[in-house]
Protein backbone atom coordinates (compact mmCIF):
# COMPACT_ATOMS: atom_id res chain seq x y z
CA UNK A 1 60.56 78.14 64.49
CA UNK A 2 57.39 76.04 64.38
CA UNK A 3 56.88 72.38 65.23
CA UNK A 4 53.58 70.65 64.57
CA UNK A 5 52.51 67.34 66.11
CA UNK A 6 49.53 65.10 65.45
CA UNK A 7 49.37 64.47 69.21
CA UNK A 8 51.24 66.06 72.12
CA UNK A 9 51.28 65.57 75.88
CA UNK A 10 50.46 68.97 77.42
CA UNK A 11 50.14 69.73 81.15
CA UNK A 12 46.36 69.24 80.93
CA UNK A 13 46.71 65.93 79.06
CA UNK A 14 46.91 64.68 75.50
CA UNK A 15 45.92 67.16 72.76
CA UNK A 16 45.52 66.79 69.02
CA UNK A 17 47.01 68.84 66.18
CA UNK A 18 49.38 70.93 68.28
CA UNK A 19 51.57 73.74 66.95
CA UNK A 20 54.52 74.88 69.05
CA UNK A 21 56.15 78.25 68.45
CA UNK A 22 59.73 78.20 69.70
CA UNK A 23 61.89 81.28 70.24
CA UNK A 24 65.22 81.72 72.05
CA UNK A 25 65.21 78.11 73.17
CA UNK A 26 61.81 78.29 74.87
CA UNK A 27 58.24 77.50 73.98
CA UNK A 28 56.60 80.82 73.18
CA UNK A 29 53.15 79.52 72.25
CA UNK A 30 51.17 76.27 72.29
CA UNK A 31 48.23 76.00 69.87
CA UNK A 32 46.13 72.83 70.15
CA UNK A 33 43.65 72.07 67.39
CA UNK A 34 45.66 73.94 64.76
CA UNK A 35 46.68 73.24 61.20
CA UNK A 36 50.41 73.15 60.46
CA UNK A 37 51.96 76.38 59.21
CA UNK A 38 53.66 76.08 55.81
CA UNK A 39 57.12 76.24 57.37
CA UNK A 40 56.38 73.99 60.36
CA UNK A 41 58.25 70.72 60.87
CA UNK A 42 55.68 67.94 61.08
CA UNK A 43 55.92 65.03 63.50
CA UNK A 44 53.55 62.56 65.07
CA UNK A 45 53.70 62.30 68.90
CA UNK A 46 55.43 64.72 71.29
CA UNK A 47 56.20 64.31 74.96
CA UNK A 48 58.35 66.52 77.21
CA UNK A 49 62.00 65.70 77.76
CA UNK A 50 62.83 64.32 81.20
CA UNK A 51 65.43 65.49 83.71
CA UNK A 52 68.08 63.11 85.01
CA UNK A 53 68.63 64.25 88.60
CA UNK A 54 71.69 62.19 89.49
CA UNK A 55 74.71 61.36 87.34
CA UNK A 56 78.38 60.67 87.92
CA UNK A 57 79.42 61.07 84.28
CA UNK A 58 82.91 59.57 84.56
CA UNK A 59 81.51 56.29 85.90
CA UNK A 60 80.15 55.49 82.42
CA UNK A 61 83.72 54.43 81.61
CA UNK A 62 83.74 51.66 84.23
CA UNK A 63 80.36 50.17 83.31
CA UNK A 64 80.72 46.38 83.34
CA UNK A 65 84.13 46.35 85.04
CA UNK A 66 82.79 45.28 88.43
CA UNK A 67 80.64 42.32 87.35
CA UNK A 68 82.96 39.66 88.73
CA UNK A 69 82.57 38.21 92.19
CA UNK A 70 85.58 39.21 94.23
CA UNK A 71 84.53 38.00 97.66
CA UNK A 72 81.53 36.29 99.25
CA UNK A 73 80.08 39.55 100.58
CA UNK A 74 80.49 41.70 97.45
CA UNK A 75 78.37 44.83 97.86
CA UNK A 76 78.40 48.59 97.36
CA UNK A 77 81.50 49.00 99.49
CA UNK A 78 83.60 46.55 97.46
CA UNK A 79 82.30 48.16 94.24
CA UNK A 80 83.47 51.51 95.60
CA UNK A 81 87.06 50.28 95.81
CA UNK A 82 86.97 49.42 92.09
CA UNK A 83 85.59 52.88 91.38
CA UNK A 84 88.40 54.51 93.36
CA UNK A 85 91.01 52.62 91.32
CA UNK A 86 89.37 53.64 88.04
CA UNK A 87 89.12 57.35 88.78
CA UNK A 88 92.74 57.55 89.92
CA UNK A 89 93.90 57.59 86.29
CA UNK A 90 91.49 60.15 84.81
CA UNK A 91 92.62 63.51 83.42
CA UNK A 92 90.16 66.36 82.79
CA UNK A 93 90.20 65.45 79.09
CA UNK A 94 89.32 61.85 79.98
CA UNK A 95 86.45 63.05 82.17
CA UNK A 96 85.12 65.16 79.30
CA UNK A 97 85.33 62.29 76.78
CA UNK A 98 83.60 59.78 79.04
CA UNK A 99 80.95 62.21 80.22
CA UNK A 100 80.13 63.26 76.65
CA UNK A 101 79.40 59.63 75.77
CA UNK A 102 77.08 59.38 78.78
CA UNK A 103 75.29 62.56 77.78
CA UNK A 104 74.77 61.33 74.20
CA UNK A 105 73.12 58.20 75.58
CA UNK A 106 70.95 60.28 77.89
CA UNK A 107 69.66 62.41 75.03
CA UNK A 108 69.03 59.41 72.81
CA UNK A 109 66.91 57.74 75.50
CA UNK A 110 64.82 60.74 76.60
CA UNK A 111 66.79 62.80 79.12
CA UNK A 112 67.21 66.42 78.06
CA UNK A 113 68.81 67.82 81.23
CA UNK A 114 71.22 66.26 83.72
CA UNK A 115 72.07 66.97 87.33
CA UNK A 116 75.79 66.23 87.45
CA UNK A 117 76.76 65.30 91.02
CA UNK A 118 80.36 66.25 90.40
CA UNK A 119 82.95 65.30 92.99
CA UNK A 120 86.14 64.57 91.05
CA UNK A 121 87.74 67.97 91.70
CA UNK A 122 91.44 67.38 92.38
CA UNK A 123 94.47 66.15 90.46
CA UNK A 124 95.58 62.51 90.75
CA UNK A 125 97.84 63.33 93.72
CA UNK A 126 95.02 65.15 95.53
CA UNK A 127 96.39 68.61 94.81
CA UNK A 128 94.22 71.42 93.49
CA UNK A 129 94.39 72.35 89.83
CA UNK A 130 95.47 75.93 89.16
CA UNK A 131 91.89 76.55 88.08
CA UNK A 132 89.60 75.23 90.86
CA UNK A 133 86.95 74.52 88.20
CA UNK A 134 89.27 72.53 85.90
CA UNK A 135 87.24 69.34 86.05
CA UNK A 136 83.94 71.21 86.28
CA UNK A 137 85.01 72.72 82.98
CA UNK A 138 85.32 69.20 81.57
CA UNK A 139 81.69 68.53 82.55
CA UNK A 140 80.58 71.83 81.01
CA UNK A 141 82.52 70.96 77.84
CA UNK A 142 80.69 67.62 77.60
CA UNK A 143 77.33 69.32 78.06
CA UNK A 144 78.06 71.94 75.41
CA UNK A 145 79.41 69.35 72.98
CA UNK A 146 76.27 67.23 73.27
CA UNK A 147 73.68 69.97 73.81
CA UNK A 148 72.19 68.51 76.99
CA UNK A 149 70.89 70.92 79.63
CA UNK A 150 73.12 71.06 82.72
CA UNK A 151 72.44 71.53 86.39
CA UNK A 152 75.93 71.41 87.90
CA UNK A 153 76.12 70.18 91.48
CA UNK A 154 79.67 70.57 92.84
CA UNK A 155 80.14 68.11 95.70
CA UNK A 156 81.58 68.95 99.09
CA UNK A 157 83.46 65.96 100.53
CA UNK A 158 85.76 66.20 103.55
CA UNK A 159 85.57 63.01 105.64
CA UNK A 160 85.52 59.24 105.33
CA UNK A 161 82.73 58.55 107.81
CA UNK A 162 80.35 59.96 110.36
CA UNK A 163 81.82 62.18 113.05
CA UNK A 164 84.39 63.91 110.85
CA UNK A 165 86.78 60.97 110.44
CA UNK A 166 89.92 61.50 108.41
CA UNK A 167 89.54 60.80 104.69
CA UNK A 168 91.04 57.73 103.06
CA UNK A 169 93.73 57.86 100.35
CA UNK A 170 91.24 56.78 97.68
CA UNK A 171 89.17 59.90 98.40
CA UNK A 172 91.95 62.43 97.82
CA UNK A 173 90.55 63.62 94.49
CA UNK A 174 87.24 64.59 96.14
CA UNK A 175 88.39 66.62 99.13
CA UNK A 176 87.73 70.27 99.97
CA UNK A 177 87.55 72.51 102.98
CA UNK A 178 84.89 75.20 103.17
CA UNK A 179 87.08 77.97 101.77
CA UNK A 180 88.41 75.97 98.83
CA UNK A 181 84.92 74.69 98.09
CA UNK A 182 83.52 78.22 98.04
CA UNK A 183 86.22 79.15 95.50
CA UNK A 184 85.32 76.07 93.45
CA UNK A 185 81.64 77.03 93.43
CA UNK A 186 82.37 80.57 92.24
CA UNK A 187 84.86 79.41 89.62
CA UNK A 188 82.27 76.94 88.33
CA UNK A 189 79.58 79.61 88.23
CA UNK A 190 81.79 81.79 86.03
CA UNK A 191 82.14 79.00 83.44
CA UNK A 192 78.48 77.98 83.14
CA UNK A 193 76.55 78.54 79.91
CA UNK A 194 73.54 80.83 80.03
CA UNK A 195 70.81 78.26 80.65
CA UNK A 196 72.75 76.11 83.11
CA UNK A 197 71.81 75.96 86.80
CA UNK A 198 74.24 75.81 89.72
CA UNK A 199 73.49 74.09 93.01
CA UNK A 200 75.57 72.38 95.67
CA UNK A 201 75.84 68.81 96.85
CA UNK A 202 77.09 67.96 100.31
CA UNK A 203 78.03 64.37 99.46
CA UNK A 204 76.45 62.61 102.43
CA UNK A 205 76.32 62.75 106.20
CA UNK A 206 79.34 60.43 106.10
CA UNK A 207 81.40 63.05 104.28
CA UNK A 208 80.39 66.30 106.04
CA UNK A 209 80.05 67.44 109.63
CA UNK A 210 76.89 69.28 110.72
CA UNK A 211 78.80 72.56 110.74
CA UNK A 212 80.12 71.96 107.22
CA UNK A 213 76.65 71.00 106.01
CA UNK A 214 75.28 74.33 107.20
CA UNK A 215 78.15 76.27 105.61
CA UNK A 216 77.89 74.47 102.26
CA UNK A 217 74.13 74.85 101.89
CA UNK A 218 74.45 78.57 102.66
CA UNK A 219 76.55 79.02 99.51
CA UNK A 220 73.60 78.78 97.12
CA UNK A 221 69.97 79.66 96.70
CA UNK A 222 69.74 76.91 94.09
CA UNK A 223 69.20 73.16 94.38
CA UNK A 224 70.73 71.13 97.20
CA UNK A 225 71.36 67.42 96.61
CA UNK A 226 72.70 64.84 99.08
CA UNK A 227 73.13 61.06 99.17
CA UNK A 228 71.06 59.62 102.01
CA UNK A 229 70.28 56.15 103.37
CA UNK A 230 71.50 54.25 100.33
CA UNK A 231 72.95 51.39 102.38
CA UNK A 232 71.94 49.56 105.57
CA UNK A 233 75.52 49.91 106.84
CA UNK A 234 75.21 53.67 106.40
CA UNK A 235 71.96 53.77 108.40
CA UNK A 236 73.49 51.74 111.23
CA UNK A 237 76.62 53.91 111.35
CA UNK A 238 74.52 57.08 111.43
CA UNK A 239 72.51 55.74 114.36
CA UNK A 240 75.72 54.95 116.23
CA UNK A 241 77.04 58.46 115.58
CA UNK A 242 73.91 60.53 116.22
CA UNK A 243 71.19 58.29 117.63
CA UNK A 244 69.14 58.96 114.49
CA UNK A 245 68.82 57.48 111.03
CA UNK A 246 70.22 59.59 108.13
CA UNK A 247 66.92 60.89 106.73
CA UNK A 248 65.56 61.33 110.25
CA UNK A 249 68.64 63.40 111.15
CA UNK A 250 68.33 65.56 108.03
CA UNK A 251 64.64 66.21 108.61
CA UNK A 252 65.29 67.21 112.22
CA UNK A 253 68.44 69.27 111.69
CA UNK A 254 68.97 70.48 108.13
CA UNK A 255 65.81 72.39 107.21
CA UNK A 256 64.95 70.01 104.37
CA UNK A 257 62.39 71.61 102.06
CA UNK A 258 61.55 71.91 98.37
CA UNK A 259 65.11 72.99 97.49
CA UNK A 260 66.44 69.60 98.56
CA UNK A 261 66.78 66.32 96.70
CA UNK A 262 67.64 63.26 98.75
CA UNK A 263 69.37 60.82 96.43
CA UNK A 264 68.38 57.17 96.93
CA UNK A 265 66.69 57.49 100.36
CA UNK A 266 66.35 53.73 99.99
CA UNK A 267 66.17 52.67 103.61
CA UNK A 268 63.34 54.61 105.24
CA UNK A 269 61.08 53.57 108.08
CA UNK A 270 57.40 54.53 107.90
CA UNK A 271 57.85 57.72 109.90
CA UNK A 272 60.71 58.92 107.69
CA UNK A 273 58.75 58.05 104.56
CA UNK A 274 55.77 60.12 105.62
CA UNK A 275 57.83 63.05 106.89
CA UNK A 276 59.99 63.18 103.78
CA UNK A 277 56.83 63.25 101.66
CA UNK A 278 55.48 66.18 103.70
CA UNK A 279 58.77 68.12 103.51
CA UNK A 280 58.30 68.98 99.83
CA UNK A 281 61.75 67.57 98.96
CA UNK A 282 62.33 65.23 96.02
CA UNK A 283 63.47 61.63 96.37
CA UNK A 284 66.00 61.09 93.58
CA UNK A 285 65.59 57.42 92.69
CA UNK A 286 68.19 55.53 90.64
CA UNK A 287 66.69 52.04 90.52
CA UNK A 288 68.96 50.60 87.82
CA UNK A 289 72.11 51.49 89.76
CA UNK A 290 70.45 50.59 93.07
CA UNK A 291 69.71 47.13 91.65
CA UNK A 292 73.22 46.79 90.24
CA UNK A 293 74.77 47.62 93.61
CA UNK A 294 72.31 45.58 95.66
CA UNK A 295 71.20 48.66 97.58
CA UNK A 296 67.57 47.78 98.25
CA UNK A 297 64.10 48.95 97.25
CA UNK A 298 62.66 52.39 97.95
CA UNK A 299 59.20 52.37 99.65
CA UNK A 300 57.57 54.03 96.64
CA UNK A 301 53.99 52.91 97.25
CA UNK A 302 53.73 54.46 100.70
CA UNK A 303 55.77 57.53 99.75
CA UNK A 304 53.68 58.42 96.70
CA UNK A 305 50.45 57.75 98.57
CA UNK A 306 51.64 60.30 101.15
CA UNK A 307 52.14 62.91 98.41
CA UNK A 308 55.88 62.45 98.00
CA UNK A 309 57.77 63.79 95.00
CA UNK A 310 60.13 61.62 92.94
CA UNK A 311 62.53 61.92 90.04
CA UNK A 312 64.93 59.52 88.35
CA UNK A 313 68.68 59.47 87.90
CA UNK A 314 71.19 57.23 86.16
CA UNK A 315 73.81 57.51 88.93
CA UNK A 316 76.66 55.12 87.98
CA UNK A 317 75.53 55.12 84.34
CA UNK A 318 75.83 51.33 84.19
CA UNK A 319 72.99 51.50 81.67
CA UNK A 320 71.48 54.76 80.48
CA UNK A 321 67.79 54.65 79.57
CA UNK A 322 65.04 56.91 80.91
CA UNK A 323 62.27 54.37 80.28
CA UNK A 324 64.27 51.66 82.04
CA UNK A 325 64.61 53.80 85.17
CA UNK A 326 60.86 54.45 85.27
CA UNK A 327 60.03 50.82 84.59
CA UNK A 328 62.42 49.67 87.31
CA UNK A 329 60.69 51.78 89.95
CA UNK A 330 57.40 49.98 89.29
CA UNK A 331 58.94 46.53 88.79
CA UNK A 332 60.86 46.70 92.07
CA UNK A 333 57.56 47.31 93.85
CA UNK A 334 55.92 44.39 92.05
CA UNK A 335 58.76 42.04 92.99
CA UNK A 336 58.71 43.20 96.60
CA UNK A 337 54.93 43.33 97.12
CA UNK A 338 53.91 40.60 94.64
CA UNK A 339 51.19 42.70 93.00
CA UNK A 340 50.84 44.56 89.70
CA UNK A 341 50.15 48.16 88.63
CA UNK A 342 51.12 49.41 92.07
CA UNK A 343 52.12 53.03 91.57
CA UNK A 344 49.07 54.44 89.81
CA UNK A 345 45.58 55.27 91.05
CA UNK A 346 42.90 52.73 90.21
CA UNK A 347 42.09 52.82 86.51
CA UNK A 348 45.01 55.10 85.65
CA UNK A 349 48.01 54.38 83.45
CA UNK A 350 51.09 53.38 85.42
CA UNK A 351 53.33 54.79 82.70
CA UNK A 352 51.62 58.18 82.69
CA UNK A 353 51.61 58.33 86.50
CA UNK A 354 55.34 57.61 86.70
CA UNK A 355 56.20 59.91 83.80
CA UNK A 356 54.24 62.86 85.20
CA UNK A 357 55.74 62.40 88.67
CA UNK A 358 59.29 62.13 87.35
CA UNK A 359 58.86 65.11 85.00
CA UNK A 360 57.58 67.39 87.75
CA UNK A 361 60.02 66.12 90.37
CA UNK A 362 63.02 66.53 88.07
CA UNK A 363 62.06 70.09 87.21
CA UNK A 364 61.96 70.94 90.90
CA UNK A 365 65.19 69.09 91.66
CA UNK A 366 67.12 70.65 88.76
CA UNK A 367 65.74 74.16 89.11
CA UNK A 368 63.94 74.47 85.76
CA UNK A 369 60.44 74.64 84.33
CA UNK A 370 59.22 71.49 82.58
CA UNK A 371 56.48 70.37 80.22
CA UNK A 372 55.20 71.47 76.84
CA UNK A 373 53.93 74.85 77.99
CA UNK A 374 54.60 78.52 77.26
CA UNK A 375 57.77 79.73 78.96
CA UNK A 376 59.27 76.27 79.46
CA UNK A 377 62.49 75.24 77.73
CA UNK A 378 61.80 73.64 74.34
CA UNK A 379 62.95 70.22 75.54
CA UNK A 380 60.82 67.82 73.52
CA UNK A 381 60.87 64.17 72.41
CA UNK A 382 59.03 62.70 69.46
CA UNK A 383 58.11 59.04 69.63
CA UNK A 384 58.85 56.79 66.67
CA UNK A 385 55.36 55.59 65.84
CA UNK A 386 56.73 53.21 63.20
CA UNK A 387 58.49 51.27 65.96
CA UNK A 388 56.91 47.86 66.69
CA UNK A 389 56.38 48.85 70.32
CA UNK A 390 53.72 51.36 69.23
CA UNK A 391 51.76 49.10 66.86
CA UNK A 392 48.07 49.83 67.42
CA UNK A 393 48.81 52.35 70.20
CA UNK A 394 46.53 55.22 71.13
CA UNK A 395 47.22 58.28 73.28
CA UNK A 396 46.02 56.33 76.31
CA UNK A 397 48.78 53.76 75.87
CA UNK A 398 51.69 55.72 74.35
CA UNK A 399 53.63 56.06 77.61
CA UNK A 400 52.89 52.53 78.81
CA UNK A 401 54.12 51.21 75.47
CA UNK A 402 57.32 53.26 75.67
CA UNK A 403 58.12 52.55 79.32
CA UNK A 404 57.09 48.90 79.58
CA UNK A 405 57.40 47.57 76.03
CA UNK A 406 59.82 49.88 74.25
CA UNK A 407 63.43 49.27 73.38
CA UNK A 408 66.15 50.99 71.35
CA UNK A 409 64.69 53.14 68.60
CA UNK A 410 61.43 54.04 70.33
CA UNK A 411 62.45 57.71 70.39
CA UNK A 412 62.72 59.43 67.03
CA UNK A 413 63.78 63.06 67.56
CA UNK A 414 64.96 65.07 70.56
CA UNK A 415 65.00 68.87 70.74
CA UNK A 416 66.91 70.54 73.57
CA UNK A 417 66.30 74.27 73.97
CA UNK A 418 64.74 74.13 70.52
CA UNK A 419 67.83 72.62 68.89
CA UNK A 420 67.48 69.24 67.20
CA UNK A 421 70.04 66.98 68.89
CA UNK A 422 68.73 63.51 68.00
CA UNK A 423 67.36 62.48 64.59
CA UNK A 424 65.94 59.02 63.88
CA UNK A 425 67.14 57.92 67.29
CA UNK A 426 70.77 58.95 66.80
CA UNK A 427 72.58 61.93 68.30
CA UNK A 428 73.97 64.35 65.71
CA UNK A 429 77.55 63.87 67.03
CA UNK A 430 77.24 60.27 68.19
CA UNK A 431 79.92 58.86 65.92
CA UNK A 432 82.57 61.48 66.70
CA UNK A 433 81.94 61.29 70.44
CA UNK A 434 81.89 57.48 70.45
CA UNK A 435 85.19 57.32 68.57
CA UNK A 436 86.83 59.61 71.13
CA UNK A 437 85.30 57.58 73.94
CA UNK A 438 86.65 54.31 72.49
CA UNK A 439 90.17 55.71 72.17
CA UNK A 440 90.04 57.09 75.70
CA UNK A 441 88.90 53.79 77.22
CA UNK A 442 91.41 51.75 75.21
CA UNK A 443 94.21 53.90 76.57
CA UNK A 444 92.90 53.91 80.16
CA UNK A 445 92.17 50.18 80.33
CA UNK A 446 94.75 48.81 77.93
């Protein structure tokens, strides 16, 4: 299969007249400065697909249900109670239907692989399904139905707070011990498609003891993801338990390195920021959800200046849009620091800087190669150059136009592993999946 583009973003920068040879879902050859072969599909501008490093697929079904003030101090913790009530009614089929809708929206907006931070393991009464990977199978079903690449991150969750406190009733669908979690991991591994990646996700230092953290991370040589320092209350509780802040504790005690992704890492002091940057780990930023929940603002300027690695995630899936996540990282810094063009070197494009950082960071966090390069998965987006956002654009402004000025319809086609999943901005199965999603939500919420 051959694709030909007038312009394409390669690892070395923008190139003209680029032919891509695709075989077995990967890019076999990249030929800049070439004429299109007779059987090549012709398109205008290609960029690599992005990885979404943090998703809770089922939460797409509760988007907009918490936007009513319930008490004067509404925050993450009150939102969590709404989330617990919503998930209590979900069957594996419901999880698959909701997650498939989320994955369609990811593909349509530029994400070609997702890290599913999957913690809804148990039946509604807290009991194990006969198949430990029953709900993991629902996630895999959604990924196969939509064609998105999957890095599955089964979550270990055993406690309600620091120090191994007993779990709360609302957490019964999450819970495992080490032995049952090991069985869950192996059962999930057996169900994964060929190009999927399996990691593990100790939920947070609230939900695991140090001994459990060590046992869980020993179960894989793949990616390790963990929530860390999302909330001020969490930081304060960690200090009371251990005398250290969450990221400080992890850096001192958990061997954090390039295999790790710390999700959110919102509340860092300067020392933690610098040390996390030096560790080689990825900070998995979810600025749209973090804004929705009132979490706070990640210290991106200092972290990136120290060489830190970032990627983006859609987390609660309140709104799914790769460009919006990238834009929100920069805009949060502008609002906080009251300056512009903060996260790029002088004279450089902010959009390209953010895109390159998120592309590379997501590949590391999700355990896959990225970019339009030989050997990488053929995960490619074409921009819709007839869209008003690209009027008069040149290669030097394509990504700034998409990230800061684009809106629905800015992406034309999406190939995932060489398969065309999105055409003229619409997923090939969007209508069928949306109809199933509507029926599922009408039943659940009716």
